[in-house]
N, C-alpha and C. Protein backbone atom coordinates (compact mmCIF):
# COMPACT_ATOMS: atom_id res chain seq x y z
N MET A 1 6.36 15.81 -2.97
CA MET A 1 6.16 16.81 -4.03
C MET A 1 6.10 16.17 -5.41
N TRP A 2 6.89 15.10 -5.60
CA TRP A 2 6.92 14.48 -6.92
C TRP A 2 5.87 13.40 -7.06
N GLY A 3 4.95 13.31 -6.13
CA GLY A 3 3.95 12.26 -6.20
C GLY A 3 2.72 12.62 -7.02
N PHE A 4 2.69 13.83 -7.60
CA PHE A 4 1.49 14.18 -8.34
C PHE A 4 1.54 13.60 -9.76
N LYS A 5 0.38 13.49 -10.37
CA LYS A 5 0.24 12.79 -11.64
C LYS A 5 1.10 13.40 -12.74
N GLY A 6 1.76 12.55 -13.50
CA GLY A 6 2.52 13.02 -14.65
C GLY A 6 4.01 13.02 -14.46
N PHE A 7 4.49 12.77 -13.24
CA PHE A 7 5.93 12.76 -13.00
C PHE A 7 6.39 11.33 -12.74
N PRO A 8 7.53 10.93 -13.34
CA PRO A 8 7.99 9.52 -13.27
C PRO A 8 8.70 9.20 -11.96
N THR A 9 7.97 9.27 -10.87
CA THR A 9 8.60 9.08 -9.57
C THR A 9 9.04 7.64 -9.32
N MET A 10 8.41 6.68 -9.98
CA MET A 10 8.72 5.29 -9.71
C MET A 10 9.77 4.72 -10.66
N ASN A 11 10.22 5.52 -11.63
CA ASN A 11 11.22 5.06 -12.57
C ASN A 11 12.56 5.68 -12.19
N ALA A 12 13.47 4.85 -11.65
CA ALA A 12 14.74 5.37 -11.14
C ALA A 12 15.57 6.03 -12.23
N LYS A 13 15.46 5.55 -13.46
CA LYS A 13 16.24 6.11 -14.54
C LYS A 13 15.74 7.49 -14.95
N LEU A 14 14.44 7.71 -14.81
CA LEU A 14 13.86 8.99 -15.20
C LEU A 14 13.75 9.97 -14.04
N ALA A 15 13.84 9.47 -12.81
CA ALA A 15 13.67 10.34 -11.65
C ALA A 15 14.72 11.43 -11.61
N ARG A 16 14.41 12.53 -10.95
CA ARG A 16 15.28 13.70 -10.95
C ARG A 16 16.50 13.50 -10.08
N TRP A 17 17.57 14.20 -10.44
CA TRP A 17 18.69 14.42 -9.54
C TRP A 17 18.41 15.74 -8.83
N VAL A 18 19.01 15.94 -7.69
CA VAL A 18 18.74 17.18 -6.96
C VAL A 18 19.99 17.61 -6.19
N LEU A 19 20.21 18.92 -6.13
CA LEU A 19 21.29 19.46 -5.32
C LEU A 19 20.85 19.50 -3.86
N ALA A 20 21.68 18.98 -2.95
CA ALA A 20 21.31 18.89 -1.54
C ALA A 20 22.45 19.42 -0.67
N ALA A 21 22.07 20.08 0.42
CA ALA A 21 23.06 20.68 1.32
C ALA A 21 23.91 19.60 1.97
N GLU A 22 25.20 19.70 1.81
CA GLU A 22 26.13 18.70 2.35
C GLU A 22 26.07 18.63 3.87
N ASP A 23 25.92 19.77 4.54
CA ASP A 23 25.96 19.79 6.00
C ASP A 23 24.68 19.24 6.63
N ILE A 24 23.64 19.04 5.83
CA ILE A 24 22.38 18.50 6.34
C ILE A 24 22.17 17.06 5.87
N CYS A 25 22.29 16.84 4.57
CA CYS A 25 21.95 15.54 3.99
C CYS A 25 23.13 14.56 3.95
N PHE A 26 24.35 15.05 4.18
CA PHE A 26 25.52 14.18 4.08
C PHE A 26 26.41 14.30 5.31
N LYS A 27 25.78 14.49 6.47
CA LYS A 27 26.56 14.73 7.68
C LYS A 27 27.08 13.46 8.34
N ASN A 28 26.63 12.30 7.89
CA ASN A 28 27.21 11.05 8.38
C ASN A 28 27.06 9.99 7.30
N ALA A 29 27.64 8.81 7.54
CA ALA A 29 27.69 7.77 6.52
C ALA A 29 26.30 7.27 6.14
N PHE A 30 25.41 7.14 7.14
CA PHE A 30 24.06 6.65 6.86
C PHE A 30 23.29 7.64 5.99
N TYR A 31 23.32 8.91 6.36
CA TYR A 31 22.63 9.93 5.57
C TYR A 31 23.21 10.00 4.16
N SER A 32 24.53 9.91 4.06
CA SER A 32 25.17 9.98 2.75
C SER A 32 24.69 8.84 1.86
N TYR A 33 24.62 7.64 2.42
CA TYR A 33 24.16 6.48 1.65
C TYR A 33 22.70 6.66 1.23
N LEU A 34 21.87 7.10 2.17
CA LEU A 34 20.44 7.25 1.92
C LEU A 34 20.17 8.29 0.84
N PHE A 35 20.81 9.45 0.96
CA PHE A 35 20.53 10.52 0.01
C PHE A 35 21.19 10.27 -1.35
N ARG A 36 22.29 9.54 -1.35
CA ARG A 36 22.86 9.15 -2.63
C ARG A 36 21.93 8.21 -3.38
N LEU A 37 21.27 7.32 -2.65
CA LEU A 37 20.27 6.45 -3.28
C LEU A 37 19.14 7.28 -3.88
N GLY A 38 18.86 8.41 -3.26
CA GLY A 38 17.83 9.31 -3.76
C GLY A 38 18.31 10.25 -4.82
N LYS A 39 19.49 9.98 -5.39
CA LYS A 39 20.06 10.77 -6.49
C LYS A 39 20.30 12.22 -6.08
N CYS A 40 20.85 12.40 -4.89
CA CYS A 40 21.20 13.73 -4.40
C CYS A 40 22.69 14.00 -4.62
N ILE A 41 23.00 15.22 -4.98
CA ILE A 41 24.38 15.65 -5.19
C ILE A 41 24.75 16.62 -4.06
N PRO A 42 25.79 16.33 -3.28
CA PRO A 42 26.14 17.19 -2.15
C PRO A 42 26.71 18.53 -2.61
N ILE A 43 26.18 19.59 -2.05
CA ILE A 43 26.65 20.94 -2.35
C ILE A 43 27.05 21.63 -1.05
N THR A 44 28.23 22.20 -1.02
CA THR A 44 28.69 22.93 0.15
C THR A 44 28.16 24.35 0.10
N ARG A 45 27.27 24.67 1.02
CA ARG A 45 26.71 26.02 1.04
C ARG A 45 27.80 27.03 1.38
N GLY A 46 27.91 28.04 0.55
CA GLY A 46 28.97 29.02 0.71
C GLY A 46 30.25 28.64 -0.01
N GLY A 47 30.24 27.49 -0.69
CA GLY A 47 31.43 27.02 -1.38
C GLY A 47 31.62 27.57 -2.77
N GLY A 48 30.69 28.42 -3.22
CA GLY A 48 30.83 29.02 -4.54
C GLY A 48 30.21 28.19 -5.65
N ILE A 49 29.94 28.84 -6.77
CA ILE A 49 29.24 28.16 -7.87
C ILE A 49 30.17 27.28 -8.69
N TYR A 50 31.49 27.38 -8.49
CA TYR A 50 32.43 26.56 -9.23
C TYR A 50 33.04 25.47 -8.36
N GLN A 51 32.38 25.15 -7.25
CA GLN A 51 32.91 24.09 -6.39
C GLN A 51 32.87 22.76 -7.14
N GLU A 52 33.66 21.81 -6.65
CA GLU A 52 33.88 20.55 -7.37
C GLU A 52 32.60 19.79 -7.67
N ASN A 53 31.68 19.71 -6.70
CA ASN A 53 30.48 18.90 -6.91
C ASN A 53 29.53 19.50 -7.94
N MET A 54 29.71 20.78 -8.27
CA MET A 54 28.90 21.36 -9.34
C MET A 54 29.25 20.70 -10.68
N ASN A 55 30.46 20.17 -10.80
CA ASN A 55 30.83 19.46 -12.02
C ASN A 55 30.02 18.18 -12.17
N GLU A 56 29.70 17.53 -11.04
CA GLU A 56 28.85 16.34 -11.11
C GLU A 56 27.45 16.71 -11.59
N ALA A 57 26.94 17.83 -11.10
CA ALA A 57 25.64 18.31 -11.56
C ALA A 57 25.68 18.63 -13.05
N LEU A 58 26.78 19.21 -13.48
CA LEU A 58 26.94 19.53 -14.90
C LEU A 58 26.98 18.26 -15.74
N ASP A 59 27.59 17.20 -15.21
CA ASP A 59 27.61 15.91 -15.92
C ASP A 59 26.21 15.36 -16.10
N VAL A 60 25.36 15.54 -15.09
CA VAL A 60 23.97 15.08 -15.19
C VAL A 60 23.28 15.75 -16.37
N LEU A 61 23.45 17.07 -16.48
CA LEU A 61 22.84 17.80 -17.59
C LEU A 61 23.46 17.39 -18.92
N THR A 62 24.77 17.20 -18.93
CA THR A 62 25.47 16.80 -20.16
C THR A 62 24.94 15.48 -20.69
N ASN A 63 24.56 14.57 -19.77
CA ASN A 63 24.05 13.25 -20.16
C ASN A 63 22.54 13.25 -20.35
N GLY A 64 21.93 14.43 -20.36
CA GLY A 64 20.50 14.52 -20.62
C GLY A 64 19.63 14.22 -19.42
N GLY A 65 20.20 14.28 -18.22
CA GLY A 65 19.42 13.98 -17.01
C GLY A 65 18.57 15.15 -16.56
N TRP A 66 17.65 14.84 -15.67
CA TRP A 66 16.77 15.85 -15.07
C TRP A 66 17.38 16.26 -13.74
N LEU A 67 17.77 17.53 -13.65
CA LEU A 67 18.39 18.06 -12.44
C LEU A 67 17.45 19.08 -11.82
N HIS A 68 17.08 18.84 -10.55
CA HIS A 68 16.19 19.76 -9.85
C HIS A 68 17.00 20.59 -8.86
N THR A 69 16.73 21.90 -8.85
CA THR A 69 17.40 22.78 -7.91
C THR A 69 16.37 23.64 -7.19
N PHE A 70 16.74 24.14 -6.03
CA PHE A 70 15.96 25.14 -5.31
C PHE A 70 16.76 26.44 -5.39
N PRO A 71 16.51 27.27 -6.41
CA PRO A 71 17.42 28.38 -6.70
C PRO A 71 17.47 29.48 -5.65
N GLU A 72 16.46 29.54 -4.76
CA GLU A 72 16.55 30.52 -3.68
C GLU A 72 17.61 30.13 -2.66
N GLY A 73 17.85 28.83 -2.53
CA GLY A 73 18.91 28.36 -1.64
C GLY A 73 18.56 28.40 -0.17
N LYS A 74 17.32 28.72 0.17
CA LYS A 74 16.92 28.79 1.57
C LYS A 74 15.46 28.35 1.70
N ILE A 75 15.09 27.98 2.91
CA ILE A 75 13.69 27.67 3.21
C ILE A 75 12.95 28.98 3.47
N CYS A 76 11.84 29.16 2.80
CA CYS A 76 11.02 30.35 3.02
C CYS A 76 9.57 29.91 3.18
N GLN A 77 9.00 30.13 4.35
CA GLN A 77 7.62 29.72 4.62
C GLN A 77 6.70 30.93 4.76
N GLU A 78 7.16 32.07 4.32
CA GLU A 78 6.35 33.28 4.39
C GLU A 78 5.82 33.64 3.01
N SER A 79 4.69 34.31 2.99
CA SER A 79 4.09 34.75 1.73
C SER A 79 4.73 36.06 1.30
N VAL A 80 5.91 35.95 0.73
CA VAL A 80 6.68 37.12 0.31
C VAL A 80 7.19 36.87 -1.11
N PRO A 81 7.55 37.93 -1.83
CA PRO A 81 8.07 37.75 -3.19
C PRO A 81 9.32 36.87 -3.21
N ILE A 82 9.53 36.20 -4.34
CA ILE A 82 10.71 35.37 -4.53
C ILE A 82 11.96 36.22 -4.35
N ARG A 83 12.89 35.73 -3.56
CA ARG A 83 14.12 36.47 -3.32
C ARG A 83 15.08 36.32 -4.50
N ARG A 84 16.15 37.10 -4.47
CA ARG A 84 17.16 37.00 -5.51
C ARG A 84 17.69 35.57 -5.55
N LEU A 85 17.75 35.02 -6.73
CA LEU A 85 18.16 33.63 -6.87
C LEU A 85 19.68 33.50 -6.80
N LYS A 86 20.11 32.37 -6.24
CA LYS A 86 21.54 32.06 -6.26
C LYS A 86 21.97 31.80 -7.70
N TRP A 87 23.23 32.06 -7.99
CA TRP A 87 23.70 31.96 -9.37
C TRP A 87 24.13 30.56 -9.78
N GLY A 88 24.12 29.61 -8.87
CA GLY A 88 24.54 28.26 -9.21
C GLY A 88 23.69 27.64 -10.31
N THR A 89 22.38 27.82 -10.22
CA THR A 89 21.48 27.28 -11.24
C THR A 89 21.77 27.91 -12.60
N ALA A 90 21.92 29.24 -12.62
CA ALA A 90 22.21 29.93 -13.89
C ALA A 90 23.54 29.48 -14.48
N SER A 91 24.54 29.25 -13.61
CA SER A 91 25.85 28.84 -14.12
C SER A 91 25.77 27.47 -14.78
N LEU A 92 24.96 26.57 -14.24
CA LEU A 92 24.80 25.25 -14.85
C LEU A 92 24.11 25.35 -16.20
N ILE A 93 23.10 26.21 -16.29
CA ILE A 93 22.40 26.41 -17.56
C ILE A 93 23.36 26.94 -18.62
N ALA A 94 24.19 27.91 -18.22
CA ALA A 94 25.10 28.55 -19.17
C ALA A 94 26.25 27.64 -19.56
N ARG A 95 26.70 26.77 -18.65
CA ARG A 95 27.89 25.96 -18.90
C ARG A 95 27.59 24.61 -19.55
N ALA A 96 26.33 24.18 -19.54
CA ALA A 96 25.98 22.88 -20.12
C ALA A 96 26.27 22.87 -21.62
N PRO A 97 26.89 21.78 -22.15
CA PRO A 97 27.18 21.71 -23.59
C PRO A 97 25.94 21.88 -24.46
N VAL A 98 24.83 21.30 -24.01
CA VAL A 98 23.54 21.51 -24.67
C VAL A 98 22.63 22.22 -23.67
N THR A 99 22.19 23.41 -24.03
CA THR A 99 21.40 24.22 -23.10
C THR A 99 20.14 23.48 -22.67
N PRO A 100 19.96 23.23 -21.38
CA PRO A 100 18.78 22.48 -20.93
C PRO A 100 17.52 23.34 -20.93
N LEU A 101 16.38 22.70 -21.12
CA LEU A 101 15.11 23.38 -20.89
C LEU A 101 14.95 23.59 -19.39
N VAL A 102 14.40 24.73 -19.02
CA VAL A 102 14.20 25.05 -17.60
C VAL A 102 12.70 25.03 -17.33
N LEU A 103 12.29 24.15 -16.42
CA LEU A 103 10.88 24.02 -16.08
C LEU A 103 10.63 24.66 -14.72
N PRO A 104 10.02 25.84 -14.68
CA PRO A 104 9.77 26.51 -13.39
C PRO A 104 8.60 25.86 -12.66
N ILE A 105 8.79 25.61 -11.37
CA ILE A 105 7.76 24.98 -10.54
C ILE A 105 7.64 25.76 -9.23
N ILE A 106 6.42 26.06 -8.85
CA ILE A 106 6.15 26.73 -7.58
C ILE A 106 5.20 25.85 -6.78
N HIS A 107 5.42 25.76 -5.47
CA HIS A 107 4.49 25.01 -4.62
C HIS A 107 3.98 25.92 -3.51
N CYS A 108 2.72 25.74 -3.16
CA CYS A 108 2.07 26.51 -2.10
C CYS A 108 1.43 25.54 -1.11
N GLY A 109 1.62 25.76 0.17
CA GLY A 109 0.97 24.96 1.18
C GLY A 109 1.86 24.02 1.95
N PHE A 110 3.10 23.83 1.49
CA PHE A 110 3.99 22.93 2.22
C PHE A 110 4.38 23.48 3.59
N GLU A 111 4.25 24.79 3.74
CA GLU A 111 4.54 25.38 5.05
C GLU A 111 3.51 24.95 6.09
N LYS A 112 2.36 24.45 5.63
CA LYS A 112 1.34 23.92 6.54
C LYS A 112 1.58 22.44 6.85
N VAL A 113 2.33 21.78 5.99
CA VAL A 113 2.61 20.35 6.17
C VAL A 113 3.76 20.15 7.16
N MET A 114 4.80 20.99 7.02
CA MET A 114 5.96 20.88 7.90
C MET A 114 6.40 22.28 8.33
N PRO A 115 5.58 22.94 9.16
CA PRO A 115 5.92 24.31 9.57
C PRO A 115 7.21 24.36 10.39
N GLU A 116 8.03 25.36 10.10
CA GLU A 116 9.31 25.50 10.78
C GLU A 116 9.13 25.73 12.28
N LYS A 117 8.09 26.46 12.65
CA LYS A 117 7.84 26.76 14.06
C LYS A 117 6.44 26.26 14.42
N TYR A 118 6.37 24.98 14.72
CA TYR A 118 5.08 24.35 14.99
C TYR A 118 4.76 24.42 16.48
N LYS A 119 5.57 23.77 17.30
CA LYS A 119 5.42 23.84 18.75
C LYS A 119 6.81 24.02 19.37
N PHE A 120 6.87 24.96 20.28
CA PHE A 120 8.12 25.26 20.97
C PHE A 120 9.21 25.67 19.97
N GLY A 121 8.78 26.30 18.86
CA GLY A 121 9.73 26.78 17.88
C GLY A 121 10.41 25.70 17.06
N ARG A 122 9.82 24.49 17.02
CA ARG A 122 10.42 23.36 16.30
C ARG A 122 9.44 22.79 15.29
N ARG A 123 9.96 22.05 14.34
CA ARG A 123 9.13 21.37 13.36
C ARG A 123 8.38 20.21 14.02
N PRO A 124 7.26 19.77 13.44
CA PRO A 124 6.61 18.55 13.94
C PRO A 124 7.47 17.34 13.62
N LEU A 125 7.30 16.27 14.38
CA LEU A 125 8.09 15.06 14.15
C LEU A 125 7.74 14.41 12.82
N PHE A 126 6.46 14.51 12.42
CA PHE A 126 5.99 13.91 11.18
C PHE A 126 5.20 14.95 10.40
N PRO A 127 5.15 14.82 9.07
CA PRO A 127 4.35 15.75 8.27
C PRO A 127 2.89 15.74 8.71
N LEU A 128 2.28 16.90 8.72
CA LEU A 128 0.88 17.03 9.10
C LEU A 128 -0.01 16.68 7.92
N ILE A 129 -1.17 16.10 8.20
CA ILE A 129 -2.07 15.63 7.14
C ILE A 129 -3.23 16.60 6.96
N ASN A 130 -4.02 16.33 5.92
CA ASN A 130 -5.22 17.12 5.60
C ASN A 130 -4.88 18.60 5.38
N ARG A 131 -3.79 18.85 4.65
CA ARG A 131 -3.40 20.21 4.30
C ARG A 131 -3.57 20.42 2.81
N ASN A 132 -3.97 21.61 2.45
CA ASN A 132 -4.20 21.93 1.04
C ASN A 132 -2.88 22.34 0.38
N ILE A 133 -2.46 21.61 -0.64
CA ILE A 133 -1.20 21.87 -1.34
C ILE A 133 -1.49 22.13 -2.81
N LYS A 134 -0.80 23.11 -3.36
CA LYS A 134 -0.90 23.37 -4.80
C LYS A 134 0.51 23.39 -5.39
N ILE A 135 0.65 22.72 -6.54
CA ILE A 135 1.91 22.70 -7.28
C ILE A 135 1.63 23.26 -8.66
N ILE A 136 2.30 24.37 -8.99
CA ILE A 136 2.06 25.06 -10.26
C ILE A 136 3.29 24.87 -11.13
N VAL A 137 3.09 24.30 -12.31
CA VAL A 137 4.17 24.07 -13.26
C VAL A 137 4.01 25.05 -14.41
N GLY A 138 5.04 25.86 -14.65
CA GLY A 138 4.98 26.84 -15.72
C GLY A 138 5.43 26.29 -17.05
N GLU A 139 5.43 27.15 -18.06
CA GLU A 139 5.91 26.77 -19.38
C GLU A 139 7.44 26.68 -19.36
N PRO A 140 8.01 25.73 -20.11
CA PRO A 140 9.48 25.60 -20.15
C PRO A 140 10.14 26.87 -20.70
N LEU A 141 11.30 27.19 -20.15
CA LEU A 141 12.08 28.33 -20.61
C LEU A 141 13.26 27.80 -21.43
N ASP A 142 13.43 28.35 -22.61
CA ASP A 142 14.52 27.93 -23.50
C ASP A 142 15.43 29.13 -23.73
N PHE A 143 16.60 29.12 -23.10
CA PHE A 143 17.51 30.26 -23.16
C PHE A 143 18.41 30.19 -24.40
N ASP A 144 18.59 31.34 -25.03
CA ASP A 144 19.54 31.46 -26.14
C ASP A 144 20.88 31.88 -25.53
N ILE A 145 21.63 30.91 -25.06
CA ILE A 145 22.86 31.19 -24.32
C ILE A 145 23.90 31.86 -25.19
N GLN A 146 24.00 31.46 -26.44
CA GLN A 146 25.00 32.07 -27.32
C GLN A 146 24.78 33.57 -27.46
N SER A 147 23.53 33.97 -27.63
CA SER A 147 23.23 35.40 -27.75
C SER A 147 23.50 36.13 -26.44
N LEU A 148 23.16 35.49 -25.32
CA LEU A 148 23.41 36.10 -24.03
C LEU A 148 24.91 36.25 -23.76
N ARG A 149 25.69 35.26 -24.18
CA ARG A 149 27.15 35.36 -24.02
C ARG A 149 27.72 36.53 -24.80
N GLN A 150 27.25 36.68 -26.05
CA GLN A 150 27.73 37.78 -26.87
C GLN A 150 27.35 39.13 -26.25
N GLU A 151 26.13 39.20 -25.71
CA GLU A 151 25.71 40.44 -25.07
C GLU A 151 26.53 40.71 -23.81
N ALA A 152 26.84 39.64 -23.06
CA ALA A 152 27.64 39.79 -21.83
C ALA A 152 29.01 40.38 -22.12
N LYS A 153 29.60 40.00 -23.27
CA LYS A 153 30.92 40.50 -23.63
C LYS A 153 30.92 41.99 -23.90
N THR A 154 29.76 42.53 -24.29
CA THR A 154 29.69 43.96 -24.63
C THR A 154 29.24 44.83 -23.47
N MET A 155 28.81 44.20 -22.37
CA MET A 155 28.30 44.97 -21.25
C MET A 155 29.45 45.52 -20.41
N PRO A 156 29.29 46.77 -19.91
CA PRO A 156 30.33 47.33 -19.02
C PRO A 156 30.22 46.71 -17.64
N CYS A 157 30.90 45.61 -17.44
CA CYS A 157 30.79 44.84 -16.19
C CYS A 157 32.01 45.07 -15.33
N GLU A 158 31.78 45.23 -14.05
CA GLU A 158 32.87 45.34 -13.10
C GLU A 158 33.28 43.94 -12.65
N SER A 159 34.55 43.64 -12.75
CA SER A 159 35.03 42.34 -12.28
C SER A 159 35.21 42.37 -10.78
N SER A 160 35.27 41.19 -10.19
CA SER A 160 35.44 41.10 -8.74
C SER A 160 36.51 40.07 -8.43
N SER A 161 37.60 40.49 -7.81
CA SER A 161 38.67 39.56 -7.48
C SER A 161 38.34 38.71 -6.26
N GLY A 162 37.22 39.02 -5.59
CA GLY A 162 36.87 38.30 -4.38
C GLY A 162 35.87 37.19 -4.61
N SER A 163 35.57 36.85 -5.87
CA SER A 163 34.61 35.80 -6.16
C SER A 163 35.22 34.44 -5.87
N LEU A 164 34.62 33.70 -4.94
CA LEU A 164 35.18 32.44 -4.46
C LEU A 164 35.28 31.40 -5.56
N GLY A 165 36.51 30.99 -5.87
CA GLY A 165 36.72 29.90 -6.81
C GLY A 165 36.47 30.24 -8.26
N TRP A 166 36.21 31.50 -8.59
CA TRP A 166 35.90 31.86 -9.96
C TRP A 166 37.18 31.93 -10.79
N PRO A 167 37.18 31.36 -12.01
CA PRO A 167 38.33 31.54 -12.90
C PRO A 167 38.35 32.96 -13.44
N ASN A 168 39.54 33.44 -13.78
CA ASN A 168 39.64 34.79 -14.33
C ASN A 168 38.86 34.95 -15.63
N SER A 169 38.75 33.87 -16.38
CA SER A 169 37.93 33.88 -17.58
C SER A 169 37.35 32.49 -17.78
N SER A 170 36.18 32.40 -18.38
CA SER A 170 35.54 31.12 -18.64
C SER A 170 36.09 30.56 -19.94
N PRO A 171 35.83 29.27 -20.25
CA PRO A 171 36.37 28.66 -21.48
C PRO A 171 35.98 29.41 -22.75
N ASP A 172 34.83 30.12 -22.73
CA ASP A 172 34.42 30.86 -23.94
C ASP A 172 34.89 32.31 -23.91
N GLY A 173 35.81 32.62 -22.97
CA GLY A 173 36.43 33.94 -22.98
C GLY A 173 35.72 35.01 -22.18
N LEU A 174 34.73 34.64 -21.39
CA LEU A 174 34.03 35.64 -20.59
C LEU A 174 34.84 36.00 -19.35
N SER A 175 34.98 37.27 -19.09
CA SER A 175 35.64 37.73 -17.87
C SER A 175 34.74 37.44 -16.68
N VAL A 176 35.27 37.63 -15.48
CA VAL A 176 34.47 37.43 -14.28
C VAL A 176 33.27 38.36 -14.30
N GLY A 177 33.48 39.62 -14.68
CA GLY A 177 32.37 40.56 -14.73
C GLY A 177 31.31 40.14 -15.72
N ALA A 178 31.72 39.64 -16.89
CA ALA A 178 30.76 39.18 -17.89
C ALA A 178 30.01 37.95 -17.41
N GLN A 179 30.71 37.05 -16.72
CA GLN A 179 30.04 35.87 -16.17
C GLN A 179 28.98 36.28 -15.16
N ARG A 180 29.32 37.25 -14.31
CA ARG A 180 28.36 37.71 -13.30
C ARG A 180 27.12 38.32 -13.97
N TRP A 181 27.33 39.10 -15.03
CA TRP A 181 26.19 39.69 -15.75
C TRP A 181 25.33 38.59 -16.35
N LEU A 182 25.98 37.58 -16.96
CA LEU A 182 25.25 36.49 -17.59
C LEU A 182 24.41 35.72 -16.59
N TYR A 183 25.01 35.37 -15.45
CA TYR A 183 24.29 34.59 -14.45
C TYR A 183 23.18 35.41 -13.80
N ALA A 184 23.42 36.68 -13.61
CA ALA A 184 22.37 37.55 -13.04
C ALA A 184 21.21 37.68 -14.00
N ASN A 185 21.49 37.80 -15.29
CA ASN A 185 20.45 37.94 -16.29
C ASN A 185 19.57 36.70 -16.35
N ILE A 186 20.21 35.51 -16.41
CA ILE A 186 19.45 34.26 -16.44
C ILE A 186 18.63 34.11 -15.16
N SER A 187 19.24 34.40 -14.02
CA SER A 187 18.53 34.27 -12.74
C SER A 187 17.34 35.19 -12.66
N ASP A 188 17.48 36.42 -13.15
CA ASP A 188 16.38 37.37 -13.10
C ASP A 188 15.22 36.92 -13.98
N GLN A 189 15.54 36.34 -15.14
CA GLN A 189 14.46 35.84 -16.01
C GLN A 189 13.69 34.70 -15.32
N ILE A 190 14.43 33.80 -14.68
CA ILE A 190 13.77 32.69 -13.98
C ILE A 190 12.96 33.22 -12.81
N ARG A 191 13.54 34.14 -12.07
CA ARG A 191 12.84 34.70 -10.91
C ARG A 191 11.55 35.38 -11.31
N ASN A 192 11.55 36.14 -12.40
CA ASN A 192 10.34 36.83 -12.85
C ASN A 192 9.22 35.84 -13.16
N VAL A 193 9.58 34.73 -13.80
CA VAL A 193 8.57 33.71 -14.12
C VAL A 193 8.07 33.05 -12.84
N MET A 194 8.99 32.73 -11.94
CA MET A 194 8.59 32.11 -10.68
C MET A 194 7.69 33.02 -9.85
N GLU A 195 7.96 34.31 -9.88
CA GLU A 195 7.14 35.25 -9.12
C GLU A 195 5.72 35.32 -9.68
N LYS A 196 5.59 35.28 -11.01
CA LYS A 196 4.26 35.26 -11.62
C LYS A 196 3.50 33.99 -11.23
N LEU A 197 4.21 32.86 -11.21
CA LEU A 197 3.57 31.61 -10.80
C LEU A 197 3.18 31.66 -9.32
N ARG A 198 4.04 32.27 -8.50
CA ARG A 198 3.72 32.39 -7.07
C ARG A 198 2.46 33.22 -6.87
N CYS A 199 2.34 34.33 -7.58
CA CYS A 199 1.16 35.19 -7.46
C CYS A 199 -0.09 34.45 -7.93
N PHE A 200 0.06 33.66 -9.00
CA PHE A 200 -1.07 32.86 -9.48
C PHE A 200 -1.47 31.83 -8.44
N GLY A 201 -0.47 31.20 -7.83
CA GLY A 201 -0.76 30.20 -6.80
C GLY A 201 -1.44 30.79 -5.59
N MET A 202 -1.02 31.98 -5.18
CA MET A 202 -1.64 32.64 -4.04
C MET A 202 -3.09 33.00 -4.35
N ALA A 203 -3.34 33.49 -5.58
CA ALA A 203 -4.71 33.84 -5.97
C ALA A 203 -5.59 32.60 -6.01
N ALA A 204 -5.05 31.50 -6.53
CA ALA A 204 -5.80 30.24 -6.59
C ALA A 204 -6.07 29.72 -5.17
N LYS A 205 -5.09 29.90 -4.29
CA LYS A 205 -5.25 29.46 -2.91
C LYS A 205 -6.36 30.23 -2.22
N ASN A 206 -6.39 31.56 -2.45
CA ASN A 206 -7.43 32.38 -1.82
C ASN A 206 -8.81 32.08 -2.36
N LEU A 207 -8.88 31.70 -3.64
CA LEU A 207 -10.16 31.37 -4.26
C LEU A 207 -10.56 29.93 -4.03
N GLN A 208 -9.61 29.13 -3.45
CA GLN A 208 -9.84 27.70 -3.21
C GLN A 208 -10.20 26.97 -4.50
N LEU A 209 -9.39 27.25 -5.55
CA LEU A 209 -9.62 26.59 -6.82
C LEU A 209 -9.14 25.15 -6.76
């Protein structure tokens, strides 16, 4: 995916960090070593947005690094609207000391390269060739986090005592309910942009542009 023109794939210092599922990419010592070389940060699925390794991701942003996430949190190979985004990405945007620029990217056609159900309900052993792939990069999103925080404080938000690992209040004084509103708002804005890019990609795919 990062092999297209304009991305610094060969420069280790500029290459992206990425959140990766711990139970898949870090299930043994060899995989852990390999994916760590690839600048992957292990994330426990279901472990909540405040799990320990999210602090490592936050450090990447704090140091000005490029952090890539898959905010849907699941593999989707169907032509359907973008699902509700996980709040982990939004929490990192909101918690970073310097608000990062968010670059939305949509890809179309990878489901033809490595289909989940190729033969006998399994993936192919190797990626398939001669497939048409499109990668659409949108305009950067620059969030005014301070204004969103102030708005979150005034919203009638219901708190939830069952939020896994959530502090009762964030360092800037936001209650759990306000944090949930903030993360949902940021996620919805990103999702809306991603959905527009997805529709554009599907139209371009049908027109064979």
